Protein backbone atom coordinates (compact mmCIF):
# COMPACT_ATOMS: atom_id res chain seq x y z
CA MET A 1 15.71 97.47 -8.43
CA MET A 2 14.89 94.89 -11.07
CA SER A 3 15.48 91.15 -11.13
CA HIS A 4 15.56 88.58 -13.88
CA THR A 5 15.90 84.81 -13.54
CA TYR A 6 17.77 82.63 -16.02
CA THR A 7 17.72 78.84 -16.29
CA VAL A 8 21.26 77.49 -16.41
CA LYS A 9 22.23 73.99 -17.51
CA GLY A 10 24.99 72.00 -15.81
CA MET A 11 25.33 73.55 -12.35
CA THR A 12 25.54 70.84 -9.69
CA CYS A 13 27.65 72.02 -6.75
CA ASP A 14 28.76 74.98 -4.65
CA HIS A 15 31.83 75.44 -6.84
CA CYS A 16 29.52 75.78 -9.86
CA ALA A 17 27.47 78.39 -8.02
CA ARG A 18 30.57 80.38 -7.02
CA SER A 19 31.94 80.34 -10.58
CA VAL A 20 28.67 81.54 -12.08
CA THR A 21 28.19 84.17 -9.36
CA GLU A 22 31.71 85.51 -9.89
CA GLU A 23 31.32 85.86 -13.66
CA VAL A 24 27.75 87.19 -13.73
CA SER A 25 28.59 89.74 -11.01
CA LYS A 26 30.85 91.43 -13.60
CA VAL A 27 27.88 92.21 -15.89
CA ALA A 28 27.13 95.95 -16.05
CA GLY A 29 24.32 96.91 -13.68
CA ALA A 30 24.34 93.66 -11.69
CA VAL A 31 24.02 94.38 -7.97
CA GLU A 32 23.36 90.87 -6.66
CA VAL A 33 23.55 87.39 -8.16
CA THR A 34 21.75 84.47 -6.50
CA VAL A 35 22.16 80.86 -7.63
CA ASP A 36 19.55 78.19 -6.86
CA LEU A 37 21.28 74.89 -7.62
CA LYS A 38 18.20 72.78 -6.99
CA ALA A 39 16.13 74.76 -9.51
CA GLY A 40 19.08 75.33 -11.87
CA GLU A 41 18.43 79.07 -11.84
CA VAL A 42 20.43 82.27 -11.57
CA THR A 43 18.68 85.45 -10.48
CA VAL A 44 20.32 88.78 -11.27
CA THR A 45 19.21 91.83 -9.31
CA SER A 46 20.17 95.07 -11.03
CA THR A 47 19.77 98.82 -10.96
CA GLY A 48 18.16 98.73 -14.40
CA PRO A 49 17.79 96.49 -17.44
CA VAL A 50 20.57 93.92 -17.84
CA ASP A 51 21.85 92.75 -21.21
CA ASP A 52 20.64 89.14 -21.49
CA GLN A 53 23.42 88.36 -23.96
CA ALA A 54 26.04 89.64 -21.50
CA VAL A 55 24.59 87.39 -18.79
CA ALA A 56 24.61 84.39 -21.16
CA GLU A 57 28.23 85.10 -22.10
CA ALA A 58 29.21 85.40 -18.43
CA VAL A 59 27.52 82.06 -17.67
CA GLU A 60 29.36 80.50 -20.62
CA GLU A 61 32.64 81.97 -19.35
CA ALA A 62 32.00 80.09 -16.10
CA GLY A 63 31.52 76.89 -18.12
CA TYR A 64 27.74 76.58 -18.20
CA GLU A 65 24.87 77.37 -20.56
CA VAL A 66 21.79 79.57 -20.28
CA VAL A 67 18.75 77.65 -21.50
CA THR A 68 16.63 79.74 -23.84
CA ALA A 69 13.00 79.04 -24.64
C-alpha cells in the first residue's frame, strides 16, 4: 500500500470532511481516504500510484482546493 497526503484549503467541519472523502474515494486506486480537519490535510491510501490531478479534481468537485507548493 502507498499513501500520499495533500493540503486542502477551506475544510472546516465534519460535512466538509465527508464531502471530500466521498469524492476522493472515487479516484482510481484509492482504498482509504482520511481527512484531518485540524491540519487541513487529506491522506489517500492506495494500491499503487494515484493521479495527483485526479485527486485535485475530486477535491474541487467537493468544493475545496488542493494547495500546491
